[in-house]
């Protein structure tokens, strides 16, 4: 699978937002794209933190940054799950 260019991704995200706003997402493709894009951004932050942690000798500053990135990704996932749970 080839990675989309920045322009292609931007166009796809705009189209997905339009589809969601106009309830034209019968098969949840737009919803899935938007969710996975946000999730991917958070996981890219985790990956960057892991790389720094490993590259710079696993110092306490890098470890703290890594823990914060992981926690942020997990909180986001928990918020999404809680939003789907009926109260």
N, C-alpha and C. Protein backbone atom coordinates (compact mmCIF):
# COMPACT_ATOMS: atom_id res chain seq x y z
N UNK A 1 0.85 -1.17 0.00
CA UNK A 1 0.00 0.00 0.00
C UNK A 1 0.90 1.23 0.00
N UNK A 2 0.65 2.11 -0.94
CA UNK A 2 1.44 3.33 -1.03
C UNK A 2 0.88 4.40 -0.11
N UNK A 3 1.78 5.12 0.52
CA UNK A 3 1.39 6.23 1.39
C UNK A 3 0.85 7.37 0.53
N UNK A 4 -0.29 7.94 0.92
CA UNK A 4 -0.80 9.08 0.14
C UNK A 4 0.08 10.31 0.36
N UNK A 5 0.11 11.15 -0.65
CA UNK A 5 0.84 12.41 -0.51
C UNK A 5 0.09 13.29 0.49
N UNK A 6 0.74 14.34 0.93
CA UNK A 6 0.10 15.27 1.88
C UNK A 6 -1.17 15.86 1.26
N UNK A 7 -1.12 16.19 -0.02
CA UNK A 7 -2.30 16.74 -0.71
C UNK A 7 -3.41 15.70 -0.81
N UNK A 8 -3.06 14.47 -1.14
CA UNK A 8 -4.06 13.41 -1.24
C UNK A 8 -4.74 13.16 0.11
N UNK A 9 -3.94 13.11 1.17
CA UNK A 9 -4.49 12.88 2.50
C UNK A 9 -5.39 14.05 2.90
N UNK A 10 -4.94 15.25 2.66
CA UNK A 10 -5.74 16.43 2.99
C UNK A 10 -7.07 16.40 2.26
N UNK A 11 -7.04 16.07 0.98
CA UNK A 11 -8.27 16.00 0.18
C UNK A 11 -9.19 14.89 0.70
N UNK A 12 -8.64 13.74 1.03
CA UNK A 12 -9.43 12.63 1.55
C UNK A 12 -10.08 13.00 2.89
N UNK A 13 -9.34 13.68 3.76
CA UNK A 13 -9.88 14.09 5.05
C UNK A 13 -10.99 15.13 4.88
N UNK A 14 -10.80 16.05 3.94
CA UNK A 14 -11.86 17.03 3.67
C UNK A 14 -13.11 16.35 3.15
N UNK A 15 -12.93 15.39 2.25
CA UNK A 15 -14.07 14.65 1.72
C UNK A 15 -14.77 13.86 2.83
N UNK A 16 -13.98 13.27 3.72
CA UNK A 16 -14.56 12.50 4.83
C UNK A 16 -15.36 13.42 5.75
N UNK A 17 -14.82 14.58 6.04
CA UNK A 17 -15.55 15.54 6.89
C UNK A 17 -16.86 15.95 6.22
N UNK A 18 -16.81 16.21 4.93
CA UNK A 18 -18.03 16.57 4.19
C UNK A 18 -19.05 15.43 4.26
N UNK A 19 -18.59 14.21 4.05
CA UNK A 19 -19.49 13.05 4.09
C UNK A 19 -20.16 12.93 5.46
N UNK A 20 -19.40 13.11 6.53
CA UNK A 20 -19.94 13.00 7.88
C UNK A 20 -20.95 14.12 8.14
N UNK A 21 -20.62 15.34 7.73
CA UNK A 21 -21.50 16.48 7.97
C UNK A 21 -22.82 16.35 7.21
N UNK A 22 -22.78 15.70 6.07
CA UNK A 22 -23.96 15.59 5.22
C UNK A 22 -24.57 14.18 5.25
N UNK A 23 -24.26 13.45 6.28
CA UNK A 23 -24.77 12.08 6.49
C UNK A 23 -24.74 11.24 5.21
N UNK A 24 -23.60 11.25 4.57
CA UNK A 24 -23.39 10.46 3.36
C UNK A 24 -22.34 9.38 3.62
N UNK A 25 -22.39 8.79 4.80
CA UNK A 25 -21.37 7.82 5.21
C UNK A 25 -22.02 6.50 5.60
N UNK A 26 -22.81 5.96 4.69
CA UNK A 26 -23.60 4.75 4.95
C UNK A 26 -22.75 3.59 5.45
N UNK A 27 -21.55 3.45 4.93
CA UNK A 27 -20.69 2.31 5.29
C UNK A 27 -19.60 2.68 6.29
N UNK A 28 -19.67 3.88 6.85
CA UNK A 28 -18.77 4.35 7.91
C UNK A 28 -17.31 4.47 7.46
N UNK A 29 -17.11 4.65 6.18
CA UNK A 29 -15.75 4.80 5.66
C UNK A 29 -15.16 6.14 6.12
N UNK A 30 -15.93 7.20 6.01
CA UNK A 30 -15.44 8.52 6.42
C UNK A 30 -15.16 8.55 7.92
N UNK A 31 -16.07 8.00 8.70
CA UNK A 31 -15.88 7.95 10.15
C UNK A 31 -14.60 7.19 10.48
N UNK A 32 -14.40 6.08 9.82
CA UNK A 32 -13.20 5.26 10.07
C UNK A 32 -11.94 5.99 9.68
N UNK A 33 -11.96 6.67 8.53
CA UNK A 33 -10.77 7.42 8.09
C UNK A 33 -10.44 8.52 9.09
N UNK A 34 -11.45 9.27 9.51
CA UNK A 34 -11.20 10.36 10.45
C UNK A 34 -10.68 9.83 11.79
N UNK A 35 -11.27 8.76 12.28
CA UNK A 35 -10.83 8.16 13.54
C UNK A 35 -9.38 7.67 13.42
N UNK A 36 -9.10 6.92 12.36
CA UNK A 36 -7.76 6.36 12.21
C UNK A 36 -6.71 7.45 11.99
N UNK A 37 -7.09 8.53 11.34
CA UNK A 37 -6.15 9.64 11.16
C UNK A 37 -5.78 10.26 12.51
N UNK A 38 -6.78 10.51 13.35
CA UNK A 38 -6.51 11.07 14.68
C UNK A 38 -5.70 10.09 15.53
N UNK A 39 -6.07 8.83 15.49
CA UNK A 39 -5.35 7.81 16.25
C UNK A 39 -3.89 7.71 15.78
N UNK A 40 -3.70 7.76 14.49
CA UNK A 40 -2.36 7.68 13.92
C UNK A 40 -1.49 8.85 14.37
N UNK A 41 -2.07 10.06 14.44
CA UNK A 41 -1.30 11.23 14.90
C UNK A 41 -0.81 11.01 16.33
N UNK A 42 -1.68 10.46 17.18
CA UNK A 42 -1.28 10.21 18.56
C UNK A 42 -0.21 9.12 18.64
N UNK A 43 -0.36 8.09 17.84
CA UNK A 43 0.63 7.01 17.86
C UNK A 43 1.95 7.44 17.24
N UNK A 44 1.93 8.37 16.30
CA UNK A 44 3.18 8.93 15.76
C UNK A 44 3.93 9.66 16.86
N UNK A 45 3.20 10.34 17.74
CA UNK A 45 3.82 11.02 18.88
C UNK A 45 4.48 10.00 19.80
N UNK A 46 3.79 8.89 20.03
CA UNK A 46 4.36 7.82 20.86
C UNK A 46 5.62 7.27 20.20
N UNK A 47 5.56 7.01 18.90
CA UNK A 47 6.72 6.48 18.19
C UNK A 47 7.92 7.43 18.29
N UNK A 48 7.68 8.71 18.10
CA UNK A 48 8.75 9.69 18.22
C UNK A 48 9.36 9.66 19.62
N UNK A 49 8.50 9.58 20.64
CA UNK A 49 8.99 9.54 22.02
C UNK A 49 9.79 8.27 22.28
N UNK A 50 9.36 7.15 21.74
CA UNK A 50 10.09 5.89 21.89
C UNK A 50 11.47 6.00 21.24
N UNK A 51 11.50 6.55 20.03
CA UNK A 51 12.77 6.69 19.33
C UNK A 51 13.74 7.57 20.12
N UNK A 52 13.25 8.67 20.65
CA UNK A 52 14.12 9.55 21.45
C UNK A 52 14.58 8.85 22.73
N UNK A 53 13.65 8.15 23.37
CA UNK A 53 13.97 7.43 24.60
C UNK A 53 15.09 6.42 24.35
N UNK A 54 15.00 5.69 23.27
CA UNK A 54 16.01 4.68 22.96
C UNK A 54 17.31 5.30 22.45
N UNK A 55 17.20 6.36 21.68
CA UNK A 55 18.39 6.97 21.08
C UNK A 55 19.24 7.71 22.10
N UNK A 56 18.64 8.32 23.08
CA UNK A 56 19.38 9.17 24.01
C UNK A 56 19.62 8.51 25.36
N UNK A 57 19.76 7.21 25.37
CA UNK A 57 20.18 6.53 26.58
C UNK A 57 19.11 6.32 27.63
N UNK A 58 17.85 6.41 27.23
CA UNK A 58 16.75 6.11 28.13
C UNK A 58 16.76 6.98 29.37
N UNK A 59 16.96 8.27 29.17
CA UNK A 59 17.01 9.23 30.28
C UNK A 59 15.62 9.50 30.86
N UNK A 60 15.63 10.13 32.02
CA UNK A 60 14.37 10.38 32.73
C UNK A 60 13.48 11.36 31.98
N UNK A 61 14.06 12.36 31.32
CA UNK A 61 13.25 13.31 30.56
C UNK A 61 12.57 12.62 29.39
N UNK A 62 13.31 11.80 28.67
CA UNK A 62 12.75 11.08 27.53
C UNK A 62 11.70 10.07 28.00
N UNK A 63 11.97 9.44 29.15
CA UNK A 63 11.01 8.48 29.71
C UNK A 63 9.70 9.20 30.06
N UNK A 64 9.79 10.35 30.69
CA UNK A 64 8.59 11.11 31.06
C UNK A 64 7.80 11.53 29.82
N UNK A 65 8.51 11.95 28.78
CA UNK A 65 7.85 12.33 27.53
C UNK A 65 7.14 11.13 26.93
N UNK A 66 7.79 9.98 26.95
CA UNK A 66 7.19 8.75 26.43
C UNK A 66 5.93 8.38 27.22
N UNK A 67 6.01 8.43 28.53
CA UNK A 67 4.86 8.09 29.37
C UNK A 67 3.70 9.03 29.09
N UNK A 68 3.99 10.33 28.96
CA UNK A 68 2.92 11.30 28.66
C UNK A 68 2.28 11.01 27.31
N UNK A 69 3.08 10.68 26.31
CA UNK A 69 2.54 10.38 24.98
C UNK A 69 1.65 9.14 25.01
N UNK A 70 2.10 8.12 25.71
CA UNK A 70 1.30 6.89 25.83
C UNK A 70 0.00 7.19 26.57
N UNK A 71 0.09 7.93 27.67
CA UNK A 71 -1.11 8.27 28.43
C UNK A 71 -2.09 9.09 27.61
N UNK A 72 -1.59 10.03 26.81
CA UNK A 72 -2.47 10.85 25.97
C UNK A 72 -3.19 9.98 24.94
N UNK A 73 -2.47 9.05 24.34
CA UNK A 73 -3.09 8.15 23.36
C UNK A 73 -4.15 7.28 24.04
N UNK A 74 -3.84 6.77 25.23
CA UNK A 74 -4.81 5.94 25.95
C UNK A 74 -6.02 6.74 26.40
N UNK A 75 -5.82 7.96 26.88
CA UNK A 75 -6.96 8.80 27.31
C UNK A 75 -7.88 9.08 26.15
N UNK A 76 -7.31 9.34 25.00
CA UNK A 76 -8.11 9.61 23.82
C UNK A 76 -8.98 8.41 23.48
N UNK A 77 -8.40 7.24 23.54
CA UNK A 77 -9.14 6.01 23.24
C UNK A 77 -10.23 5.78 24.29
N UNK A 78 -9.93 6.04 25.55
CA UNK A 78 -10.92 5.88 26.62
C UNK A 78 -12.07 6.86 26.46
N UNK A 79 -11.75 8.12 26.08
CA UNK A 79 -12.81 9.12 25.86
C UNK A 79 -13.72 8.70 24.73
N UNK A 80 -13.12 8.17 23.66
CA UNK A 80 -13.92 7.72 22.52
C UNK A 80 -14.83 6.57 22.93
N UNK A 81 -14.32 5.63 23.71
CA UNK A 81 -15.11 4.50 24.16
C UNK A 81 -16.22 4.95 25.10
N UNK A 82 -15.91 5.89 26.00
CA UNK A 82 -16.91 6.38 26.94
C UNK A 82 -18.03 7.13 26.22
N UNK A 83 -17.69 7.82 25.15
CA UNK A 83 -18.69 8.56 24.40
C UNK A 83 -19.70 7.62 23.74
N UNK A 84 -19.28 6.41 23.46
CA UNK A 84 -20.17 5.44 22.82
C UNK A 84 -21.02 4.66 23.82
N UNK A 85 -20.65 4.71 25.10
CA UNK A 85 -21.36 3.97 26.11
C UNK A 85 -22.60 4.74 26.56
N UNK A 86 -23.78 4.13 26.50
CA UNK A 86 -24.98 4.85 26.93
C UNK A 86 -24.95 5.09 28.44
N UNK A 87 -25.43 6.24 28.86
CA UNK A 87 -25.43 6.61 30.29
C UNK A 87 -26.79 6.44 30.89
